[in-house]
Amino acid sequence: MNGDPTYDELIAANKNLQQKLEWLENDYRSHQGDGMRIKSRFLSNVSHEIRTPMNAILGFSSLLQNEKLTQTEKEEYLYYISHNSQALLKVMDNIIDLTLLESRSLKVNQEAVSIQDLIKEVFEYHNMEMTRIAGGRVAILMSMPNNNDRIFVNADSYRLRRVMDNLVSCALRHQKRGVVEMKLEIPENNRVVFSVGFEGNALLIERAKKIFEKNGSDDDWQNQLDNTGVACKLARDLTEAMGGTVYLDSSEGEKRADIIISLPVHSIEHEMNGAKMMKKDLGDIPAFNNN
């Protein structure tokens, strides 16, 4: 949904949410014999991740019943319903993918993806959202190589966008003031590095670091009381499923952190005088190993 949603769009979003929830419930029932660990994990994620946007949707939907509302107020409430519906859909998709990853049944597509186009899409979406929500207290910046090279990576386009979206959302959520920076670099000929830099408290950074570096319990991500754990674990596992690596660098006194993702480059296309030339082709895209 873009802009102010129509009634039909809200109904469609609600139907989509119901279908995803039914999938999760069916998957949970199919694994009931695995013991209380799966039950606890499912209930923990559903409870913590769904409650906030669902309460917002119900609350603003109730307010819309007031016949004395102005048109401006109605449009504002519809925006919040739309925003939280999209947030809830993302949460459901995240939990579904985590479930599939843990059961080793996630099918990851393999294709050549323009990394610049993907970063621009994520930047434009979040820049528009932060302009409306943060009121200038938080800014999001984008930094990419200043040349005519078009870089394609080996990835699943839909899920790589989800990884970027989750990491940027997580950074923005915990940034009260200041800047969140999306950055693209090519330190090696066959790798591309995408990073999300943000300022955060030491506790938040340490929690994320445990997940990315796997130096804590495998259950640390689900014990967090916000969706930081889900976002970080999903980014880690999806990136690894696409043949990449991810880690957190917090070398500046634990006051600033950068979540860094490295992915294999498929090809680099160079444009000169309006003509496109393949500067470097690294061969066929290898099959991802997500077993």
Protein backbone atom coordinates (compact mmCIF):
# COMPACT_ATOMS: atom_id res chain seq x y z
CA MET A 1 0.00 0.00 0.00
CA ASN A 2 1.35 3.39 -1.00
CA GLY A 3 0.09 6.72 0.32
CA ASP A 4 -3.31 6.75 1.99
CA PRO A 5 -4.87 3.27 1.65
CA THR A 6 -8.36 2.64 0.34
CA TYR A 7 -10.86 0.48 2.18
CA ASP A 8 -10.31 -2.36 -0.33
CA GLU A 9 -6.54 -2.19 0.23
CA LEU A 10 -7.00 -2.47 3.99
CA ILE A 11 -9.30 -5.46 3.53
CA ALA A 12 -6.74 -7.11 1.24
CA ALA A 13 -3.95 -6.48 3.75
CA ASN A 14 -6.06 -7.98 6.53
CA LYS A 15 -6.72 -11.08 4.40
CA ASN A 16 -3.00 -11.41 3.72
CA LEU A 17 -2.28 -11.20 7.45
CA GLN A 18 -4.86 -13.86 8.23
CA GLN A 19 -3.35 -16.23 5.66
CA LYS A 20 0.15 -15.79 7.11
CA LEU A 21 -1.09 -16.32 10.66
CA GLU A 22 -2.89 -19.52 9.58
CA TRP A 23 0.36 -20.74 7.99
CA LEU A 24 2.27 -20.12 11.23
CA GLU A 25 -0.38 -21.81 13.35
CA ASN A 26 -0.42 -24.85 11.06
CA ASP A 27 3.37 -25.05 11.14
CA TYR A 28 3.36 -24.81 14.92
CA ARG A 29 0.79 -27.62 15.21
CA SER A 30 2.84 -29.82 12.88
CA HIS A 31 5.85 -29.48 15.23
CA GLN A 32 4.04 -29.85 18.56
CA GLY A 33 5.73 -33.19 19.12
CA ASP A 34 9.15 -31.51 19.15
CA GLY A 35 8.58 -30.33 22.71
CA MET A 36 8.14 -27.13 24.68
CA ARG A 37 11.14 -25.35 23.09
CA ILE A 38 9.36 -24.84 19.76
CA LYS A 39 6.14 -23.88 21.54
CA SER A 40 7.94 -21.31 23.69
CA ARG A 41 9.79 -19.82 20.73
CA PHE A 42 6.64 -19.53 18.63
CA LEU A 43 4.59 -17.95 21.41
CA SER A 44 7.46 -15.60 22.34
CA ASN A 45 7.83 -14.26 18.81
CA VAL A 46 4.13 -13.97 18.09
CA SER A 47 3.49 -12.22 21.40
CA HIS A 48 6.32 -9.70 21.21
CA GLU A 49 6.38 -9.00 17.49
CA ILE A 50 2.68 -8.83 16.66
CA ARG A 51 1.22 -7.08 19.70
CA THR A 52 2.43 -3.52 19.01
CA PRO A 53 1.32 -3.06 15.36
CA MET A 54 -1.89 -5.00 15.98
CA ASN A 55 -2.83 -2.73 18.90
CA ALA A 56 -2.16 0.32 16.73
CA ILE A 57 -4.33 -1.04 13.92
CA LEU A 58 -7.19 -1.82 16.31
CA GLY A 59 -6.84 1.51 18.11
CA PHE A 60 -6.87 3.74 15.04
CA SER A 61 -9.62 1.62 13.41
CA SER A 62 -11.75 2.29 16.49
CA LEU A 63 -11.02 6.02 16.33
CA LEU A 64 -12.22 6.12 12.71
CA GLN A 65 -15.74 5.34 13.92
CA ASN A 66 -15.99 8.83 15.41
CA GLU A 67 -18.29 10.78 13.09
CA LYS A 68 -16.86 14.12 14.28
CA LEU A 69 -13.40 13.48 12.81
CA THR A 70 -12.07 15.97 10.30
CA GLN A 71 -10.83 14.78 6.92
CA THR A 72 -7.25 15.50 8.00
CA GLU A 73 -7.67 13.34 11.09
CA LYS A 74 -9.17 10.51 9.03
CA GLU A 75 -6.26 10.61 6.59
CA GLU A 76 -3.78 10.56 9.48
CA TYR A 77 -5.45 7.55 11.12
CA LEU A 78 -5.59 5.73 7.79
CA TYR A 79 -1.88 6.36 7.38
CA TYR A 80 -1.11 4.81 10.77
CA ILE A 81 -3.34 1.83 9.99
CA SER A 82 -1.54 1.38 6.67
CA HIS A 83 1.91 1.83 8.25
CA ASN A 84 1.24 -0.69 11.01
CA SER A 85 -0.40 -3.16 8.60
CA GLN A 86 2.79 -3.14 6.54
CA ALA A 87 4.86 -3.51 9.71
CA LEU A 88 2.75 -6.47 10.76
CA LEU A 89 3.12 -8.11 7.34
CA LYS A 90 6.90 -7.74 7.66
CA VAL A 91 6.83 -9.33 11.11
CA MET A 92 4.82 -12.28 9.79
CA ASP A 93 7.18 -12.72 6.83
CA ASN A 94 10.17 -12.58 9.18
CA ILE A 95 8.79 -15.24 11.50
CA ILE A 96 7.81 -17.46 8.55
CA ASP A 97 11.32 -17.22 7.08
CA LEU A 98 12.91 -17.93 10.47
CA THR A 99 10.70 -20.99 10.80
CA LEU A 100 11.67 -22.20 7.32
CA LEU A 101 15.36 -21.53 7.98
CA GLU A 102 15.31 -23.51 11.21
CA SER A 103 13.56 -26.43 9.52
CA ARG A 104 16.02 -26.19 6.57
CA SER A 105 13.16 -25.90 4.09
CA LEU A 106 13.63 -22.30 2.89
CA LYS A 107 14.05 -22.07 -0.88
CA VAL A 108 16.44 -19.26 -1.76
CA ASN A 109 16.37 -17.98 -5.34
CA GLN A 110 19.64 -17.33 -7.16
CA GLU A 111 19.89 -14.41 -9.54
CA ALA A 112 22.02 -11.42 -10.52
CA VAL A 113 20.72 -8.46 -8.47
CA SER A 114 21.63 -4.79 -8.97
CA ILE A 115 22.86 -3.85 -5.52
CA GLN A 116 22.62 -0.10 -6.19
CA ASP A 117 18.99 -0.30 -7.27
CA LEU A 118 18.11 -2.30 -4.18
CA ILE A 119 19.85 0.13 -1.83
CA LYS A 120 18.13 3.10 -3.48
CA GLU A 121 14.70 1.47 -3.04
CA VAL A 122 15.31 0.84 0.67
CA PHE A 123 16.75 4.33 1.17
CA GLU A 124 13.84 6.10 -0.57
CA TYR A 125 11.25 4.19 1.44
CA HIS A 126 12.85 4.83 4.83
CA ASN A 127 13.79 8.42 4.01
CA MET A 128 10.14 9.18 3.28
CA GLU A 129 9.01 7.39 6.44
CA MET A 130 11.51 9.16 8.69
CA THR A 131 10.59 12.56 7.24
CA ARG A 132 7.03 11.94 8.33
CA ILE A 133 7.65 10.18 11.65
CA ALA A 134 10.88 11.57 13.14
CA GLY A 135 10.33 15.20 12.21
CA GLY A 136 13.99 15.82 11.37
CA ARG A 137 15.43 14.35 14.58
CA VAL A 138 16.88 11.39 12.69
CA ALA A 139 18.34 11.52 9.19
CA ILE A 140 19.18 8.65 6.88
CA LEU A 141 22.09 8.98 4.44
CA MET A 142 23.16 6.89 1.46
CA SER A 143 26.75 6.57 0.24
CA MET A 144 27.84 4.67 -2.89
CA PRO A 145 30.94 4.57 -5.15
CA ASN A 146 31.15 7.63 -7.38
CA ASN A 147 31.61 5.95 -10.75
CA ASN A 148 29.60 4.51 -13.62
CA ASP A 149 29.90 0.91 -12.52
CA ARG A 150 26.70 -1.06 -12.07
CA ILE A 151 27.28 -3.90 -9.63
CA PHE A 152 25.35 -7.15 -9.65
CA VAL A 153 25.56 -9.58 -6.72
CA ASN A 154 24.59 -13.23 -6.34
CA ALA A 155 21.46 -13.04 -4.22
CA ASP A 156 17.75 -13.58 -3.79
CA SER A 157 16.39 -10.12 -4.67
CA TYR A 158 13.31 -10.29 -2.45
CA ARG A 159 15.14 -11.61 0.59
CA LEU A 160 18.17 -9.35 0.21
CA ARG A 161 15.82 -6.38 0.23
CA ARG A 162 14.24 -7.81 3.38
CA VAL A 163 17.67 -8.09 5.01
CA MET A 164 18.46 -4.45 4.21
CA ASP A 165 15.01 -3.27 5.23
CA ASN A 166 15.17 -5.08 8.58
CA LEU A 167 18.62 -3.77 9.44
CA VAL A 168 17.78 -0.17 8.52
CA SER A 169 14.47 -0.38 10.40
CA CYS A 170 16.27 -1.72 13.47
CA ALA A 171 18.88 1.05 13.35
CA LEU A 172 16.28 3.79 12.90
CA ARG A 173 14.10 2.44 15.67
CA HIS A 174 16.89 2.78 18.23
CA GLN A 175 18.24 6.10 16.96
CA LYS A 176 16.62 8.95 18.87
CA ARG A 177 18.71 11.64 17.18
CA GLY A 178 21.51 11.74 14.66
CA VAL A 179 22.27 9.88 11.46
CA VAL A 180 21.84 6.35 10.11
CA GLU A 181 24.08 5.71 7.11
CA MET A 182 23.64 3.13 4.35
CA LYS A 183 26.96 2.57 2.62
CA LEU A 184 28.18 0.50 -0.34
CA GLU A 185 31.85 -0.35 -0.97
CA ILE A 186 33.89 -2.73 -3.13
CA PRO A 187 37.03 -3.56 -1.14
CA GLU A 188 37.80 -6.60 -3.31
CA ASN A 189 37.21 -7.49 -6.95
CA ASN A 190 34.84 -10.32 -6.16
CA ARG A 191 33.06 -9.04 -3.04
CA VAL A 192 30.74 -6.15 -2.31
CA VAL A 193 30.19 -4.71 1.17
CA PHE A 194 26.95 -3.11 2.34
CA SER A 195 26.82 -1.55 5.80
CA VAL A 196 24.32 0.16 8.07
CA GLY A 197 25.96 2.57 10.54
CA PHE A 198 24.10 3.88 13.59
CA GLU A 199 24.55 5.21 17.10
CA GLY A 200 23.15 3.13 19.90
CA ASN A 201 23.49 2.24 23.55
CA ALA A 202 26.10 -0.29 24.59
CA LEU A 203 23.49 -2.86 25.67
CA LEU A 204 21.76 -2.84 22.28
CA ILE A 205 25.08 -3.16 20.44
CA GLU A 206 26.18 -6.04 22.65
CA ARG A 207 22.90 -7.88 22.08
CA ALA A 208 23.23 -7.56 18.31
CA LYS A 209 26.91 -8.53 18.41
CA LYS A 210 26.11 -11.80 20.19
CA ILE A 211 23.76 -12.79 17.39
CA PHE A 212 26.00 -11.78 14.48
CA GLU A 213 29.15 -13.33 15.93
CA LYS A 214 27.35 -16.37 17.38
CA ASN A 215 29.18 -15.91 20.67
CA GLY A 216 26.13 -16.37 22.86
CA SER A 217 23.34 -18.86 23.26
CA ASP A 218 21.51 -19.71 20.05
CA ASP A 219 18.33 -18.65 21.85
CA ASP A 220 19.54 -15.11 22.65
CA TRP A 221 17.65 -13.63 19.71
CA GLN A 222 14.25 -14.85 20.90
CA ASN A 223 14.74 -13.65 24.48
CA GLN A 224 14.90 -9.98 23.46
CA LEU A 225 11.79 -7.97 24.24
CA ASP A 226 11.70 -6.13 20.91
CA ASN A 227 12.19 -7.21 17.31
CA THR A 228 15.93 -6.51 17.37
CA GLY A 229 16.55 -10.21 17.88
CA VAL A 230 14.36 -11.30 14.99
CA ALA A 231 15.80 -8.66 12.64
CA CYS A 232 19.42 -9.53 13.48
CA LYS A 233 19.03 -13.30 13.35
CA LEU A 234 17.06 -13.18 10.11
CA ALA A 235 19.68 -10.88 8.52
CA ARG A 236 22.45 -13.22 9.64
CA ASP A 237 20.82 -16.45 8.49
CA LEU A 238 19.45 -15.11 5.19
CA THR A 239 22.80 -13.53 4.30
CA GLU A 240 24.60 -16.79 5.01
CA ALA A 241 22.00 -18.69 2.97
CA MET A 242 22.87 -16.41 0.04
CA GLY A 243 26.59 -17.14 0.35
CA GLY A 244 27.45 -13.96 2.24
CA THR A 245 28.77 -13.04 5.67
CA VAL A 246 27.57 -10.54 8.26
CA TYR A 247 29.15 -9.07 11.37
CA LEU A 248 28.95 -6.04 13.66
CA ASP A 249 31.80 -3.56 14.08
CA SER A 250 31.61 -1.41 17.21
CA SER A 251 35.20 -0.30 17.49
CA GLU A 252 34.45 3.35 18.38
CA GLY A 253 34.03 2.91 22.12
CA GLU A 254 30.71 1.07 21.80
CA LYS A 255 28.96 4.36 20.93
CA ARG A 256 28.64 3.68 17.23
CA ALA A 257 28.14 0.42 15.38
CA ASP A 258 28.17 -0.74 11.77
CA ILE A 259 26.36 -3.87 10.64
CA ILE A 260 28.41 -5.11 7.70
CA ILE A 261 27.30 -7.54 5.00
CA SER A 262 29.67 -8.99 2.42
CA LEU A 263 28.28 -10.66 -0.71
CA PRO A 264 29.87 -12.26 -3.79
CA VAL A 265 29.84 -10.12 -6.94
CA HIS A 266 28.35 -11.70 -10.03
CA SER A 267 29.32 -9.04 -12.55
CA ILE A 268 30.18 -5.35 -12.92
CA GLU A 269 28.70 -3.40 -15.80
CA HIS A 270 30.50 -0.24 -16.90
CA GLU A 271 28.70 2.52 -18.83
CA MET A 272 30.81 4.79 -21.05
CA ASN A 273 29.40 7.38 -23.47
CA GLY A 274 25.96 5.82 -23.26
CA ALA A 275 27.23 2.34 -24.12
CA LYS A 276 27.14 -0.50 -21.59
CA MET A 277 30.14 -2.79 -21.38
CA MET A 278 30.66 -5.79 -19.14
CA LYS A 279 33.71 -4.80 -17.11
CA LYS A 280 33.97 -8.01 -15.16
CA ASP A 281 31.93 -11.19 -15.31
CA LEU A 282 32.65 -13.64 -12.54
CA GLY A 283 30.88 -16.52 -14.22
CA ASP A 284 27.70 -18.41 -13.57
CA ILE A 285 25.83 -17.84 -10.36
CA PRO A 286 26.61 -20.70 -7.96
CA ALA A 287 23.82 -22.57 -6.25
CA PHE A 288 23.17 -21.40 -2.71
CA ASN A 289 23.67 -23.88 0.06
CA ASN A 290 20.94 -23.37 2.63
CA ASN A 291 20.93 -26.81 4.14
